[in-house]
Amino acid sequence: MSGKILQIENLTVSFDGFKALNALNFIMDAGELRVVIGPNGAGKTTFLDAITGKVQPTEGRVLFKGRSLRHLSEHQVARLGIGR
């Protein structure tokens, strides 16, 4: 398998002025397995929440198979096969 299945471009998520994620870029190819690690407060959960639609990004793009997930609800994203 090849090709970008998930692409994150300049993703920023702010909560009352605090940037939980700041200009994050990430690419995942089909068939690839990735692990997100980091200390408490590093933004791991916010990263997953932005992908799954639980949190809407302040800036940036989330693309799944070339389709923007930016304004989709959690259940719409789940129907595409993305969940946690």
N, C-alpha and C. Protein backbone atom coordinates (compact mmCIF):
# COMPACT_ATOMS: atom_id res chain seq x y z
N MET A 1 0.84 -1.18 0.00
CA MET A 1 0.00 0.00 0.00
C MET A 1 0.88 1.24 0.00
N SER A 2 0.43 2.26 -0.67
CA SER A 2 1.19 3.51 -0.66
C SER A 2 0.21 4.67 -0.78
N GLY A 3 0.71 5.85 -0.52
CA GLY A 3 -0.12 7.04 -0.59
C GLY A 3 -0.45 7.56 0.79
N LYS A 4 -0.69 8.84 0.85
CA LYS A 4 -1.01 9.49 2.12
C LYS A 4 -2.44 9.16 2.52
N ILE A 5 -2.61 8.58 3.69
CA ILE A 5 -3.95 8.30 4.18
C ILE A 5 -4.39 9.39 5.17
N LEU A 6 -3.43 9.93 5.91
CA LEU A 6 -3.72 11.00 6.87
C LEU A 6 -2.66 12.08 6.73
N GLN A 7 -3.11 13.30 6.60
CA GLN A 7 -2.19 14.43 6.45
C GLN A 7 -2.65 15.57 7.34
N ILE A 8 -1.77 16.04 8.20
CA ILE A 8 -2.03 17.16 9.10
C ILE A 8 -1.12 18.30 8.66
N GLU A 9 -1.70 19.47 8.42
CA GLU A 9 -0.91 20.61 7.94
C GLU A 9 -1.12 21.82 8.85
N ASN A 10 -0.04 22.27 9.47
CA ASN A 10 -0.04 23.48 10.30
C ASN A 10 -1.19 23.51 11.30
N LEU A 11 -1.43 22.39 11.96
CA LEU A 11 -2.55 22.28 12.90
C LEU A 11 -2.26 23.03 14.20
N THR A 12 -3.14 23.95 14.52
CA THR A 12 -3.06 24.70 15.77
C THR A 12 -4.40 24.58 16.48
N VAL A 13 -4.34 24.27 17.78
CA VAL A 13 -5.53 24.23 18.62
C VAL A 13 -5.25 25.09 19.83
N SER A 14 -6.08 26.11 20.04
CA SER A 14 -5.92 27.02 21.17
C SER A 14 -7.11 26.91 22.11
N PHE A 15 -6.83 26.97 23.39
CA PHE A 15 -7.86 27.02 24.43
C PHE A 15 -7.64 28.30 25.23
N ASP A 16 -8.52 29.27 25.06
CA ASP A 16 -8.42 30.55 25.78
C ASP A 16 -7.02 31.16 25.67
N GLY A 17 -6.45 31.13 24.48
CA GLY A 17 -5.14 31.73 24.25
C GLY A 17 -3.97 30.79 24.44
N PHE A 18 -4.19 29.65 25.11
CA PHE A 18 -3.12 28.65 25.29
C PHE A 18 -3.09 27.73 24.08
N LYS A 19 -1.94 27.63 23.43
CA LYS A 19 -1.81 26.78 22.25
C LYS A 19 -1.42 25.36 22.67
N ALA A 20 -2.41 24.48 22.67
CA ALA A 20 -2.16 23.08 22.99
C ALA A 20 -1.38 22.40 21.87
N LEU A 21 -1.66 22.80 20.63
CA LEU A 21 -0.90 22.38 19.45
C LEU A 21 -0.56 23.63 18.67
N ASN A 22 0.67 23.71 18.19
CA ASN A 22 1.11 24.90 17.47
C ASN A 22 1.78 24.52 16.16
N ALA A 23 1.07 24.69 15.05
CA ALA A 23 1.60 24.46 13.70
C ALA A 23 2.16 23.04 13.52
N LEU A 24 1.41 22.05 13.96
CA LEU A 24 1.82 20.65 13.86
C LEU A 24 1.64 20.13 12.44
N ASN A 25 2.64 19.43 11.94
CA ASN A 25 2.60 18.78 10.63
C ASN A 25 2.85 17.29 10.83
N PHE A 26 2.08 16.46 10.11
CA PHE A 26 2.15 15.01 10.29
C PHE A 26 1.63 14.35 9.02
N ILE A 27 2.31 13.32 8.55
CA ILE A 27 1.85 12.55 7.39
C ILE A 27 1.93 11.08 7.75
N MET A 28 0.87 10.36 7.39
CA MET A 28 0.83 8.92 7.61
C MET A 28 0.43 8.24 6.31
N ASP A 29 1.25 7.31 5.86
CA ASP A 29 0.97 6.57 4.63
C ASP A 29 0.09 5.36 4.93
N ALA A 30 -0.64 4.91 3.93
CA ALA A 30 -1.47 3.72 4.06
C ALA A 30 -0.61 2.54 4.48
N GLY A 31 -1.10 1.74 5.41
CA GLY A 31 -0.37 0.58 5.89
C GLY A 31 0.67 0.87 6.95
N GLU A 32 0.84 2.12 7.30
CA GLU A 32 1.85 2.53 8.27
C GLU A 32 1.25 2.54 9.68
N LEU A 33 2.06 2.20 10.66
CA LEU A 33 1.65 2.24 12.06
C LEU A 33 2.48 3.30 12.76
N ARG A 34 1.82 4.18 13.49
CA ARG A 34 2.52 5.25 14.22
C ARG A 34 2.11 5.22 15.69
N VAL A 35 3.00 5.68 16.55
CA VAL A 35 2.74 5.80 17.98
C VAL A 35 3.01 7.24 18.37
N VAL A 36 2.10 7.81 19.16
CA VAL A 36 2.27 9.18 19.64
C VAL A 36 2.64 9.10 21.12
N ILE A 37 3.84 9.58 21.46
CA ILE A 37 4.29 9.55 22.84
C ILE A 37 4.73 10.96 23.26
N GLY A 38 4.74 11.18 24.55
CA GLY A 38 5.20 12.46 25.08
C GLY A 38 4.76 12.61 26.52
N PRO A 39 5.29 13.60 27.21
CA PRO A 39 4.94 13.82 28.61
C PRO A 39 3.52 14.37 28.76
N ASN A 40 3.04 14.35 29.99
CA ASN A 40 1.73 14.94 30.29
C ASN A 40 1.71 16.39 29.82
N GLY A 41 0.61 16.77 29.18
CA GLY A 41 0.46 18.15 28.73
C GLY A 41 1.11 18.45 27.39
N ALA A 42 1.63 17.44 26.71
CA ALA A 42 2.33 17.67 25.44
C ALA A 42 1.38 17.86 24.27
N GLY A 43 0.10 17.50 24.43
CA GLY A 43 -0.88 17.69 23.36
C GLY A 43 -1.30 16.42 22.65
N LYS A 44 -0.95 15.25 23.20
CA LYS A 44 -1.29 13.98 22.55
C LYS A 44 -2.80 13.81 22.40
N THR A 45 -3.54 14.02 23.46
CA THR A 45 -5.00 13.87 23.42
C THR A 45 -5.62 14.91 22.52
N THR A 46 -5.14 16.13 22.58
CA THR A 46 -5.66 17.20 21.71
C THR A 46 -5.42 16.86 20.25
N PHE A 47 -4.27 16.28 19.94
CA PHE A 47 -3.95 15.84 18.59
C PHE A 47 -4.98 14.83 18.10
N LEU A 48 -5.26 13.82 18.90
CA LEU A 48 -6.26 12.81 18.52
C LEU A 48 -7.66 13.40 18.46
N ASP A 49 -7.98 14.30 19.39
CA ASP A 49 -9.30 14.95 19.40
C ASP A 49 -9.51 15.79 18.14
N ALA A 50 -8.47 16.43 17.65
CA ALA A 50 -8.58 17.24 16.43
C ALA A 50 -8.78 16.36 15.20
N ILE A 51 -8.18 15.18 15.20
CA ILE A 51 -8.37 14.25 14.08
C ILE A 51 -9.77 13.67 14.09
N THR A 52 -10.27 13.29 15.26
CA THR A 52 -11.56 12.61 15.37
C THR A 52 -12.76 13.55 15.37
N GLY A 53 -12.53 14.85 15.41
CA GLY A 53 -13.63 15.80 15.36
C GLY A 53 -14.17 16.23 16.71
N LYS A 54 -13.58 15.74 17.79
CA LYS A 54 -14.02 16.14 19.13
C LYS A 54 -13.68 17.60 19.40
N VAL A 55 -12.55 18.05 18.88
CA VAL A 55 -12.09 19.43 19.01
C VAL A 55 -11.88 19.99 17.61
N GLN A 56 -12.36 21.19 17.36
CA GLN A 56 -12.14 21.84 16.06
C GLN A 56 -10.85 22.65 16.13
N PRO A 57 -9.97 22.48 15.15
CA PRO A 57 -8.72 23.24 15.13
C PRO A 57 -8.96 24.74 15.00
N THR A 58 -8.07 25.51 15.59
CA THR A 58 -8.09 26.96 15.44
C THR A 58 -7.57 27.33 14.05
N GLU A 59 -6.55 26.60 13.60
CA GLU A 59 -5.96 26.80 12.27
C GLU A 59 -5.49 25.45 11.74
N GLY A 60 -5.24 25.40 10.45
CA GLY A 60 -4.65 24.21 9.85
C GLY A 60 -5.66 23.29 9.20
N ARG A 61 -5.12 22.19 8.64
CA ARG A 61 -5.95 21.23 7.91
C ARG A 61 -5.71 19.81 8.40
N VAL A 62 -6.79 19.04 8.43
CA VAL A 62 -6.73 17.61 8.70
C VAL A 62 -7.36 16.93 7.49
N LEU A 63 -6.57 16.14 6.77
CA LEU A 63 -7.05 15.47 5.57
C LEU A 63 -6.98 13.96 5.75
N PHE A 64 -8.05 13.26 5.42
CA PHE A 64 -8.10 11.81 5.43
C PHE A 64 -8.43 11.35 4.03
N LYS A 65 -7.49 10.64 3.41
CA LYS A 65 -7.64 10.21 2.01
C LYS A 65 -7.95 11.40 1.11
N GLY A 66 -7.32 12.55 1.40
CA GLY A 66 -7.49 13.75 0.60
C GLY A 66 -8.71 14.58 0.94
N ARG A 67 -9.56 14.10 1.84
CA ARG A 67 -10.79 14.80 2.21
C ARG A 67 -10.59 15.55 3.53
N SER A 68 -11.01 16.80 3.56
CA SER A 68 -10.88 17.61 4.77
C SER A 68 -11.84 17.12 5.85
N LEU A 69 -11.32 16.97 7.07
CA LEU A 69 -12.14 16.59 8.22
C LEU A 69 -12.46 17.80 9.09
N ARG A 70 -11.99 18.95 8.69
CA ARG A 70 -12.00 20.13 9.55
C ARG A 70 -13.36 20.48 10.13
N HIS A 71 -14.42 20.41 9.37
CA HIS A 71 -15.73 20.84 9.88
C HIS A 71 -16.70 19.68 10.06
N LEU A 72 -16.18 18.46 10.12
CA LEU A 72 -17.04 17.30 10.33
C LEU A 72 -17.21 17.04 11.82
N SER A 73 -18.38 16.53 12.19
CA SER A 73 -18.63 16.18 13.59
C SER A 73 -17.95 14.84 13.91
N GLU A 74 -17.92 14.50 15.20
CA GLU A 74 -17.30 13.25 15.62
C GLU A 74 -17.94 12.04 14.94
N HIS A 75 -19.27 12.01 14.89
CA HIS A 75 -19.92 10.84 14.29
C HIS A 75 -19.70 10.77 12.78
N GLN A 76 -19.55 11.91 12.12
CA GLN A 76 -19.25 11.90 10.68
C GLN A 76 -17.84 11.36 10.42
N VAL A 77 -16.90 11.74 11.27
CA VAL A 77 -15.53 11.24 11.15
C VAL A 77 -15.51 9.74 11.44
N ALA A 78 -16.27 9.30 12.44
CA ALA A 78 -16.34 7.87 12.77
C ALA A 78 -16.87 7.06 11.60
N ARG A 79 -17.82 7.60 10.87
CA ARG A 79 -18.37 6.90 9.71
C ARG A 79 -17.35 6.72 8.60
N LEU A 80 -16.32 7.56 8.60
CA LEU A 80 -15.23 7.41 7.62
C LEU A 80 -14.23 6.33 8.05
N GLY A 81 -14.39 5.83 9.29
CA GLY A 81 -13.51 4.78 9.79
C GLY A 81 -12.45 5.24 10.76
N ILE A 82 -12.58 6.47 11.26
CA ILE A 82 -11.61 7.00 12.22
C ILE A 82 -12.28 7.11 13.58
N GLY A 83 -11.69 6.50 14.59
CA GLY A 83 -12.23 6.57 15.94
C GLY A 83 -11.14 6.31 16.95
N ARG A 84 -11.53 6.41 18.20
CA ARG A 84 -10.56 6.12 19.26
C ARG A 84 -11.23 5.37 20.38
